[in-house]
Amino acid sequence: MSTGDFMTNKLYHAKIEVGLKPGYMDPEGETARKALLDLMYKVRRVGTARIYEVDLQASSLEDAKKKVDEMCRKLLANPVKDDYTFEIREMK
């Protein structure tokens, strides 16, 4: 990336949530569910997820969305067992 790229790109903040697809075992969530039941909370299911917060440069909001989706598919989520969602906002 050249120094000129910094002048044309904007800074975006992405919040990415990665969680297991339905049907996959979530031992941490199940342990938390049992503990909550022991504490007399009437919970049916507890699921765990990972949250990533990423600041990135992109030429537009659409470009930022494309890059974040690519990050998820290539590294942050396993497409076989994980689902992911993300929100992106431009930073001032």
PDB file of N, CA and C in Angstrom:
ATOM      1  N   MET A   1       0.853  -1.174   0.000  1.00  0.00           N
ATOM      2  CA  MET A   1       0.000   0.000   0.000  1.00  0.00           C
ATOM      3  C   MET A   1       0.897   1.234   0.000  1.00  0.00           C
ATOM      4  N   SER A   2       0.668   2.134  -0.896  1.00  0.00           N
ATOM      5  CA  SER A   2       1.478   3.341  -0.970  1.00  0.00           C
ATOM      6  C   SER A   2       0.914   4.411  -0.045  1.00  0.00           C
ATOM      7  N   THR A   3       1.688   5.454   0.180  1.00  0.00           N
ATOM      8  CA  THR A   3       1.215   6.532   1.045  1.00  0.00           C
ATOM      9  C   THR A   3       0.006   7.231   0.439  1.00  0.00           C
ATOM     10  N   GLY A   4      -0.125   7.198  -0.868  1.00  0.00           N
ATOM     11  CA  GLY A   4      -1.291   7.783  -1.518  1.00  0.00           C
ATOM     12  C   GLY A   4      -2.582   7.056  -1.166  1.00  0.00           C
ATOM     13  N   ASP A   5      -2.484   5.754  -0.897  1.00  0.00           N
ATOM     14  CA  ASP A   5      -3.663   4.979  -0.523  1.00  0.00           C
ATOM     15  C   ASP A   5      -4.261   5.475   0.789  1.00  0.00           C
ATOM     16  N   PHE A   6      -3.410   5.950   1.694  1.00  0.00           N
ATOM     17  CA  PHE A   6      -3.903   6.434   2.974  1.00  0.00           C
ATOM     18  C   PHE A   6      -4.740   7.695   2.789  1.00  0.00           C
ATOM     19  N   MET A   7      -4.459   8.446   1.748  1.00  0.00           N
ATOM     20  CA  MET A   7      -5.193   9.681   1.506  1.00  0.00           C
ATOM     21  C   MET A   7      -6.573   9.405   0.917  1.00  0.00           C
ATOM     22  N   THR A   8      -6.713   8.360   0.106  1.00  0.00           N
ATOM     23  CA  THR A   8      -7.993   8.099  -0.549  1.00  0.00           C
ATOM     24  C   THR A   8      -8.869   7.142   0.252  1.00  0.00           C
ATOM     25  N   ASN A   9      -8.289   6.332   1.115  1.00  0.00           N
ATOM     26  CA  ASN A   9      -9.057   5.376   1.894  1.00  0.00           C
ATOM     27  C   ASN A   9      -9.616   6.022   3.140  1.00  0.00           C
ATOM     28  N   LYS A  10     -10.738   5.484   3.577  1.00  0.00           N
ATOM     29  CA  LYS A  10     -11.367   5.915   4.821  1.00  0.00           C
ATOM     30  C   LYS A  10     -11.126   4.832   5.860  1.00  0.00           C
ATOM     31  N   LEU A  11     -11.313   5.191   7.103  1.00  0.00           N
ATOM     32  CA  LEU A  11     -11.131   4.236   8.183  1.00  0.00           C
ATOM     33  C   LEU A  11     -12.499   3.739   8.640  1.00  0.00           C
ATOM     34  N   TYR A  12     -12.626   2.430   8.753  1.00  0.00           N
ATOM     35  CA  TYR A  12     -13.875   1.791   9.172  1.00  0.00           C
ATOM     36  C   TYR A  12     -13.627   0.916  10.387  1.00  0.00           C
ATOM     37  N   HIS A  13     -14.667   0.756  11.193  1.00  0.00           N
ATOM     38  CA  HIS A  13     -14.620  -0.134  12.356  1.00  0.00           C
ATOM     39  C   HIS A  13     -15.642  -1.239  12.119  1.00  0.00           C
ATOM     40  N   ALA A  14     -15.175  -2.478  12.204  1.00  0.00           N
ATOM     41  CA  ALA A  14     -16.060  -3.637  12.024  1.00  0.00           C
ATOM     42  C   ALA A  14     -16.163  -4.400  13.329  1.00  0.00           C
ATOM     43  N   LYS A  15     -17.370  -4.792  13.673  1.00  0.00           N
ATOM     44  CA  LYS A  15     -17.618  -5.672  14.808  1.00  0.00           C
ATOM     45  C   LYS A  15     -18.160  -6.974  14.227  1.00  0.00           C
ATOM     46  N   ILE A  16     -17.402  -8.056  14.439  1.00  0.00           N
ATOM     47  CA  ILE A  16     -17.694  -9.341  13.813  1.00  0.00           C
ATOM     48  C   ILE A  16     -18.042 -10.345  14.900  1.00  0.00           C
ATOM     49  N   GLU A  17     -19.161 -11.047  14.733  1.00  0.00           N
ATOM     50  CA  GLU A  17     -19.557 -12.102  15.673  1.00  0.00           C
ATOM     51  C   GLU A  17     -19.515 -13.446  14.947  1.00  0.00           C
ATOM     52  N   VAL A  18     -18.776 -14.384  15.530  1.00  0.00           N
ATOM     53  CA  VAL A  18     -18.631 -15.722  14.953  1.00  0.00           C
ATOM     54  C   VAL A  18     -19.174 -16.720  15.969  1.00  0.00           C
ATOM     55  N   GLY A  19     -20.125 -17.531  15.542  1.00  0.00           N
ATOM     56  CA  GLY A  19     -20.718 -18.538  16.422  1.00  0.00           C
ATOM     57  C   GLY A  19     -20.928 -19.845  15.679  1.00  0.00           C
ATOM     58  N   LEU A  20     -21.198 -20.873  16.441  1.00  0.00           N
ATOM     59  CA  LEU A  20     -21.400 -22.201  15.856  1.00  0.00           C
ATOM     60  C   LEU A  20     -22.730 -22.284  15.106  1.00  0.00           C
ATOM     61  N   LYS A  21     -22.745 -23.015  14.012  1.00  0.00           N
ATOM     62  CA  LYS A  21     -23.977 -23.293  13.296  1.00  0.00           C
ATOM     63  C   LYS A  21     -24.829 -24.235  14.149  1.00  0.00           C
ATOM     64  N   PRO A  22     -26.146 -24.221  13.943  1.00  0.00           N
ATOM     65  CA  PRO A  22     -27.003 -25.156  14.677  1.00  0.00           C
ATOM     66  C   PRO A  22     -26.556 -26.597  14.444  1.00  0.00           C
ATOM     67  N   GLY A  23     -26.623 -27.393  15.504  1.00  0.00           N
ATOM     68  CA  GLY A  23     -26.262 -28.803  15.400  1.00  0.00           C
ATOM     69  C   GLY A  23     -24.841 -29.120  15.836  1.00  0.00           C
ATOM     70  N   TYR A  24     -24.013 -28.089  16.032  1.00  0.00           N
ATOM     71  CA  TYR A  24     -22.647 -28.328  16.484  1.00  0.00           C
ATOM     72  C   TYR A  24     -22.585 -28.240  18.000  1.00  0.00           C
ATOM     73  N   MET A  25     -21.773 -29.093  18.594  1.00  0.00           N
ATOM     74  CA  MET A  25     -21.614 -29.124  20.040  1.00  0.00           C
ATOM     75  C   MET A  25     -20.968 -27.828  20.523  1.00  0.00           C
ATOM     76  N   ASP A  26     -21.510 -27.303  21.627  1.00  0.00           N
ATOM     77  CA  ASP A  26     -20.977 -26.099  22.255  1.00  0.00           C
ATOM     78  C   ASP A  26     -20.777 -26.407  23.738  1.00  0.00           C
ATOM     79  N   PRO A  27     -19.688 -27.085  24.098  1.00  0.00           N
ATOM     80  CA  PRO A  27     -19.496 -27.499  25.482  1.00  0.00           C
ATOM     81  C   PRO A  27     -19.469 -26.330  26.469  1.00  0.00           C
ATOM     82  N   GLU A  28     -18.889 -25.217  26.077  1.00  0.00           N
ATOM     83  CA  GLU A  28     -18.838 -24.061  26.969  1.00  0.00           C
ATOM     84  C   GLU A  28     -20.240 -23.507  27.219  1.00  0.00           C
ATOM     85  N   GLY A  29     -21.026 -23.416  26.167  1.00  0.00           N
ATOM     86  CA  GLY A  29     -22.407 -22.953  26.309  1.00  0.00           C
ATOM     87  C   GLY A  29     -23.237 -23.912  27.143  1.00  0.00           C
ATOM     88  N   GLU A  30     -23.043 -25.210  26.955  1.00  0.00           N
ATOM     89  CA  GLU A  30     -23.790 -26.210  27.722  1.00  0.00           C
ATOM     90  C   GLU A  30     -23.412 -26.156  29.203  1.00  0.00           C
ATOM     91  N   THR A  31     -22.152 -25.962  29.502  1.00  0.00           N
ATOM     92  CA  THR A  31     -21.707 -25.830  30.897  1.00  0.00           C
ATOM     93  C   THR A  31     -22.342 -24.603  31.544  1.00  0.00           C
ATOM     94  N   ALA A  32     -22.374 -23.497  30.823  1.00  0.00           N
ATOM     95  CA  ALA A  32     -22.995 -22.279  31.340  1.00  0.00           C
ATOM     96  C   ALA A  32     -24.497 -22.487  31.535  1.00  0.00           C
ATOM     97  N   ARG A  33     -25.148 -23.178  30.598  1.00  0.00           N
ATOM     98  CA  ARG A  33     -26.593 -23.452  30.718  1.00  0.00           C
ATOM     99  C   ARG A  33     -26.880 -24.244  31.990  1.00  0.00           C
ATOM    100  N   LYS A  34     -26.101 -25.301  32.237  1.00  0.00           N
ATOM    101  CA  LYS A  34     -26.311 -26.121  33.435  1.00  0.00           C
ATOM    102  C   LYS A  34     -26.082 -25.314  34.703  1.00  0.00           C
ATOM    103  N   ALA A  35     -25.054 -24.462  34.704  1.00  0.00           N
ATOM    104  CA  ALA A  35     -24.789 -23.631  35.879  1.00  0.00           C
ATOM    105  C   ALA A  35     -25.922 -22.638  36.123  1.00  0.00           C
ATOM    106  N   LEU A  36     -26.469 -22.065  35.063  1.00  0.00           N
ATOM    107  CA  LEU A  36     -27.593 -21.138  35.208  1.00  0.00           C
ATOM    108  C   LEU A  36     -28.832 -21.856  35.729  1.00  0.00           C
ATOM    109  N   LEU A  37     -29.058 -23.077  35.251  1.00  0.00           N
ATOM    110  CA  LEU A  37     -30.177 -23.872  35.778  1.00  0.00           C
ATOM    111  C   LEU A  37     -29.983 -24.145  37.270  1.00  0.00           C
ATOM    112  N   ASP A  38     -28.756 -24.459  37.676  1.00  0.00           N
ATOM    113  CA  ASP A  38     -28.455 -24.679  39.099  1.00  0.00           C
ATOM    114  C   ASP A  38     -28.723 -23.423  39.928  1.00  0.00           C
ATOM    115  N   LEU A  39     -28.573 -22.265  39.312  1.00  0.00           N
ATOM    116  CA  LEU A  39     -28.846 -20.996  39.990  1.00  0.00           C
ATOM    117  C   LEU A  39     -30.317 -20.594  39.887  1.00  0.00           C
ATOM    118  N   MET A  40     -31.133 -21.513  39.382  1.00  0.00           N
ATOM    119  CA  MET A  40     -32.590 -21.356  39.290  1.00  0.00           C
ATOM    120  C   MET A  40     -33.057 -20.404  38.179  1.00  0.00           C
ATOM    121  N   TYR A  41     -32.216 -20.191  37.174  1.00  0.00           N
ATOM    122  CA  TYR A  41     -32.648 -19.438  36.003  1.00  0.00           C
ATOM    123  C   TYR A  41     -33.246 -20.416  35.005  1.00  0.00           C
ATOM    124  N   LYS A  42     -34.392 -20.086  34.469  1.00  0.00           N
ATOM    125  CA  LYS A  42     -35.069 -20.971  33.517  1.00  0.00           C
ATOM    126  C   LYS A  42     -34.594 -20.663  32.100  1.00  0.00           C
ATOM    127  N   VAL A  43     -33.436 -21.205  31.764  1.00  0.00           N
ATOM    128  CA  VAL A  43     -32.872 -20.989  30.431  1.00  0.00           C
ATOM    129  C   VAL A  43     -33.022 -22.266  29.619  1.00  0.00           C
ATOM    130  N   ARG A  44     -33.243 -22.122  28.346  1.00  0.00           N
ATOM    131  CA  ARG A  44     -33.382 -23.279  27.459  1.00  0.00           C
ATOM    132  C   ARG A  44     -32.082 -23.598  26.734  1.00  0.00           C
ATOM    133  N   ARG A  45     -31.371 -22.543  26.347  1.00  0.00           N
ATOM    134  CA  ARG A  45     -30.151 -22.736  25.581  1.00  0.00           C
ATOM    135  C   ARG A  45     -29.197 -21.592  25.873  1.00  0.00           C
ATOM    136  N   VAL A  46     -27.916 -21.895  25.910  1.00  0.00           N
ATOM    137  CA  VAL A  46     -26.871 -20.881  26.010  1.00  0.00           C
ATOM    138  C   VAL A  46     -25.853 -21.198  24.922  1.00  0.00           C
ATOM    139  N   GLY A  47     -25.569 -20.229  24.107  1.00  0.00           N
ATOM    140  CA  GLY A  47     -24.584 -20.407  23.049  1.00  0.00           C
ATOM    141  C   GLY A  47     -23.441 -19.437  23.233  1.00  0.00           C
ATOM    142  N   THR A  48     -22.282 -19.843  22.805  1.00  0.00           N
ATOM    143  CA  THR A  48     -21.121 -18.965  22.890  1.00  0.00           C
ATOM    144  C   THR A  48     -20.781 -18.434  21.497  1.00  0.00           C
ATOM    145  N   ALA A  49     -20.103 -17.313  21.488  1.00  0.00           N
ATOM    146  CA  ALA A  49     -19.657 -16.704  20.228  1.00  0.00           C
ATOM    147  C   ALA A  49     -18.371 -15.936  20.505  1.00  0.00           C
ATOM    148  N   ARG A  50     -17.613 -15.732  19.457  1.00  0.00           N
ATOM    149  CA  ARG A  50     -16.415 -14.906  19.533  1.00  0.00           C
ATOM    150  C   ARG A  50     -16.728 -13.558  18.881  1.00  0.00           C
ATOM    151  N   ILE A  51     -16.203 -12.508  19.472  1.00  0.00           N
ATOM    152  CA  ILE A  51     -16.372 -11.166  18.915  1.00  0.00           C
ATOM    153  C   ILE A  51     -14.993 -10.636  18.513  1.00  0.00           C
ATOM    154  N   TYR A  52     -14.909 -10.161  17.300  1.00  0.00           N
ATOM    155  CA  TYR A  52     -13.692  -9.510  16.808  1.00  0.00           C
ATOM    156  C   TYR A  52     -14.049  -8.069  16.492  1.00  0.00           C
ATOM    157  N   GLU A  53     -13.172  -7.149  16.865  1.00  0.00           N
ATOM    158  CA  GLU A  53     -13.325  -5.756  16.475  1.00  0.00           C
ATOM    159  C   GLU A  53     -12.105  -5.391  15.638  1.00  0.00           C
ATOM    160  N   VAL A  54     -12.359  -4.926  14.432  1.00  0.00           N
ATOM    161  CA  VAL A  54     -11.287  -4.674  13.466  1.00  0.00           C
ATOM    162  C   VAL A  54     -11.429  -3.257  12.917  1.00  0.00           C
ATOM    163  N   ASP A  55     -10.347  -2.511  12.952  1.00  0.00           N
ATOM    164  CA  ASP A  55     -10.293  -1.216  12.278  1.00  0.00           C
ATOM    165  C   ASP A  55      -9.533  -1.425  10.977  1.00  0.00           C
ATOM    166  N   LEU A  56     -10.116  -0.998   9.884  1.00  0.00           N
ATOM    167  CA  LEU A  56      -9.490  -1.228   8.582  1.00  0.00           C
ATOM    168  C   LEU A  56      -9.681  -0.033   7.672  1.00  0.00           C
ATOM    169  N   GLN A  57      -8.829   0.033   6.674  1.00  0.00           N
ATOM    170  CA  GLN A  57      -8.947   1.062   5.660  1.00  0.00           C
ATOM    171  C   GLN A  57      -9.597   0.458   4.428  1.00  0.00           C
ATOM    172  N   ALA A  58     -10.487   1.240   3.825  1.00  0.00           N
ATOM    173  CA  ALA A  58     -11.159   0.810   2.599  1.00  0.00           C
ATOM    174  C   ALA A  58     -11.577   2.057   1.831  1.00  0.00           C
ATOM    175  N   SER A  59     -11.801   1.884   0.550  1.00  0.00           N
ATOM    176  CA  SER A  59     -12.155   3.026  -0.294  1.00  0.00           C
ATOM    177  C   SER A  59     -13.613   3.447  -0.143  1.00  0.00           C
ATOM    178  N   SER A  60     -14.468   2.528   0.349  1.00  0.00           N
ATOM    179  CA  SER A  60     -15.891   2.818   0.519  1.00  0.00           C
ATOM    180  C   SER A  60     -16.480   1.816   1.508  1.00  0.00           C
ATOM    181  N   LEU A  61     -17.713   2.053   1.912  1.00  0.00           N
ATOM    182  CA  LEU A  61     -18.390   1.115   2.807  1.00  0.00           C
ATOM    183  C   LEU A  61     -18.536  -0.249   2.136  1.00  0.00           C
ATOM    184  N   GLU A  62     -18.868  -0.257   0.857  1.00  0.00           N
ATOM    185  CA  GLU A  62     -18.993  -1.529   0.134  1.00  0.00           C
ATOM    186  C   GLU A  62     -17.660  -2.283   0.083  1.00  0.00           C
ATOM    187  N   ASP A  63     -16.581  -1.551  -0.129  1.00  0.00           N
ATOM    188  CA  ASP A  63     -15.250  -2.158  -0.137  1.00  0.00           C
ATOM    189  C   ASP A  63     -14.919  -2.721   1.251  1.00  0.00           C
ATOM    190  N   ALA A  64     -15.270  -1.983   2.300  1.00  0.00           N
ATOM    191  CA  ALA A  64     -15.028  -2.455   3.669  1.00  0.00           C
ATOM    192  C   ALA A  64     -15.813  -3.739   3.929  1.00  0.00           C
ATOM    193  N   LYS A  65     -17.072  -3.784   3.503  1.00  0.00           N
ATOM    194  CA  LYS A  65     -17.896  -4.993   3.684  1.00  0.00           C
ATOM    195  C   LYS A  65     -17.265  -6.179   2.960  1.00  0.00           C
ATOM    196  N   LYS A  66     -16.794  -5.946   1.751  1.00  0.00           N
ATOM    197  CA  LYS A  66     -16.162  -7.011   0.974  1.00  0.00           C
ATOM    198  C   LYS A  66     -14.919  -7.530   1.695  1.00  0.00           C
ATOM    199  N   LYS A  67     -14.101  -6.613   2.198  1.00  0.00           N
ATOM    200  CA  LYS A  67     -12.878  -7.022   2.883  1.00  0.00           C
ATOM    201  C   LYS A  67     -13.170  -7.777   4.180  1.00  0.00           C
ATOM    202  N   VAL A  68     -14.143  -7.316   4.947  1.00  0.00           N
ATOM    203  CA  VAL A  68     -14.475  -7.992   6.208  1.00  0.00           C
ATOM    204  C   VAL A  68     -15.056  -9.378   5.923  1.00  0.00           C
ATOM    205  N   ASP A  69     -15.908  -9.489   4.928  1.00  0.00           N
ATOM    206  CA  ASP A  69     -16.449 -10.804   4.570  1.00  0.00           C
ATOM    207  C   ASP A  69     -15.322 -11.752   4.175  1.00  0.00           C
ATOM    208  N   GLU A  70     -14.360 -11.250   3.427  1.00  0.00           N
ATOM    209  CA  GLU A  70     -13.204 -12.049   3.016  1.00  0.00           C
ATOM    210  C   GLU A  70     -12.365 -12.472   4.231  1.00  0.00           C
ATOM    211  N   MET A  71     -12.175 -11.563   5.190  1.00  0.00           N
ATOM    212  CA  MET A  71     -11.446 -11.899   6.421  1.00  0.00           C
ATOM    213  C   MET A  71     -12.136 -13.043   7.158  1.00  0.00           C
ATOM    214  N   CYS A  72     -13.451 -12.969   7.223  1.00  0.00           N
ATOM    215  CA  CYS A  72     -14.217 -14.015   7.914  1.00  0.00           C
ATOM    216  C   CYS A  72     -14.069 -15.352   7.206  1.00  0.00           C
ATOM    217  N   ARG A  73     -14.229 -15.349   5.897  1.00  0.00           N
ATOM    218  CA  ARG A  73     -14.155 -16.601   5.139  1.00  0.00           C
ATOM    219  C   ARG A  73     -12.756 -17.207   5.148  1.00  0.00           C
ATOM    220  N   LYS A  74     -11.724 -16.360   5.142  1.00  0.00           N
ATOM    221  CA  LYS A  74     -10.353 -16.864   5.050  1.00  0.00           C
ATOM    222  C   LYS A  74      -9.725 -17.216   6.397  1.00  0.00           C
ATOM    223  N   LEU A  75     -10.159 -16.543   7.491  1.00  0.00           N
ATOM    224  CA  LEU A  75      -9.439 -16.732   8.747  1.00  0.00           C
ATOM    225  C   LEU A  75     -10.326 -16.792   9.990  1.00  0.00           C
ATOM    226  N   LEU A  76     -11.233 -15.851  10.145  1.00  0.00           N
ATOM    227  CA  LEU A  76     -11.925 -15.702  11.428  1.00  0.00           C
ATOM    228  C   LEU A  76     -13.010 -16.737  11.690  1.00  0.00           C
ATOM    229  N   ALA A  77     -13.605 -17.289  10.653  1.00  0.00           N
ATOM    230  CA  ALA A  77     -14.676 -18.281  10.818  1.00  0.00           C
ATOM    231  C   ALA A  77     -14.345 -19.521   9.997  1.00  0.00           C
ATOM    232  N   ASN A  78     -14.729 -20.654  10.539  1.00  0.00           N
ATOM    233  CA  ASN A  78     -14.611 -21.910   9.796  1.00  0.00           C
ATOM    234  C   ASN A  78     -15.951 -22.121   9.084  1.00  0.00           C
ATOM    235  N   PRO A  79     -15.996 -22.020   7.753  1.00  0.00           N
ATOM    236  CA  PRO A  79     -17.273 -22.082   7.040  1.00  0.00           C
ATOM    237  C   PRO A  79     -18.019 -23.410   7.218  1.00  0.00           C
ATOM    238  N   VAL A  80     -17.319 -24.452   7.628  1.00  0.00           N
ATOM    239  CA  VAL A  80     -17.968 -25.747   7.844  1.00  0.00           C
ATOM    240  C   VAL A  80     -18.839 -25.712   9.092  1.00  0.00           C
ATOM    241  N   LYS A  81     -18.339 -25.078  10.170  1.00  0.00           N
ATOM    242  CA  LYS A  81     -19.061 -25.157  11.436  1.00  0.00           C
ATOM    243  C   LYS A  81     -19.517 -23.810  11.999  1.00  0.00           C
ATOM    244  N   ASP A  82     -19.070 -22.707  11.419  1.00  0.00           N
ATOM    245  CA  ASP A  82     -19.382 -21.387  11.978  1.00  0.00           C
ATOM    246  C   ASP A  82     -20.282 -20.566  11.066  1.00  0.00           C
ATOM    247  N   ASP A  83     -21.123 -19.760  11.708  1.00  0.00           N
ATOM    248  CA  ASP A  83     -21.846 -18.673  11.056  1.00  0.00           C
ATOM    249  C   ASP A  83     -21.220 -17.378  11.540  1.00  0.00           C
ATOM    250  N   TYR A  84     -21.337 -16.320  10.753  1.00  0.00           N
ATOM    251  CA  TYR A  84     -20.823 -15.029  11.201  1.00  0.00           C
ATOM    252  C   TYR A  84     -21.701 -13.901  10.698  1.00  0.00           C
ATOM    253  N   THR A  85     -21.706 -12.831  11.468  1.00  0.00           N
ATOM    254  CA  THR A  85     -22.380 -11.598  11.080  1.00  0.00           C
ATOM    255  C   THR A  85     -21.421 -10.458  11.412  1.00  0.00           C
ATOM    256  N   PHE A  86     -21.633  -9.319  10.766  1.00  0.00           N
ATOM    257  CA  PHE A  86     -20.787  -8.171  11.101  1.00  0.00           C
ATOM    258  C   PHE A  86     -21.534  -6.874  10.852  1.00  0.00           C
ATOM    259  N   GLU A  87     -21.080  -5.856  11.577  1.00  0.00           N
ATOM    260  CA  GLU A  87     -21.557  -4.486  11.412  1.00  0.00           C
ATOM    261  C   GLU A  87     -20.326  -3.629  11.137  1.00  0.00           C
ATOM    262  N   ILE A  88     -20.484  -2.662  10.259  1.00  0.00           N
ATOM    263  CA  ILE A  88     -19.372  -1.773   9.925  1.00  0.00           C
ATOM    264  C   ILE A  88     -19.851  -0.326   9.999  1.00  0.00           C
ATOM    265  N   ARG A  89     -18.981   0.501  10.570  1.00  0.00           N
ATOM    266  CA  ARG A  89     -19.292   1.936  10.582  1.00  0.00           C
ATOM    267  C   ARG A  89     -18.028   2.706  10.215  1.00  0.00           C
ATOM    268  N   GLU A  90     -18.241   3.839   9.573  1.00  0.00           N
ATOM    269  CA  GLU A  90     -17.104   4.690   9.243  1.00  0.00           C
ATOM    270  C   GLU A  90     -16.654   5.425  10.501  1.00  0.00           C
ATOM    271  N   MET A  91     -15.356   5.467  10.704  1.00  0.00           N
ATOM    272  CA  MET A  91     -14.798   6.175  11.850  1.00  0.00           C
ATOM    273  C   MET A  91     -14.506   7.613  11.450  1.00  0.00           C
ATOM    274  N   LYS A  92     -14.656   8.514  12.352  1.00  0.00           N
ATOM    275  CA  LYS A  92     -14.408   9.938  12.086  1.00  0.00           C
ATOM    276  C   LYS A  92     -12.975  10.286  12.418  1.00  0.00           C
TER     277      LYS A  92
END
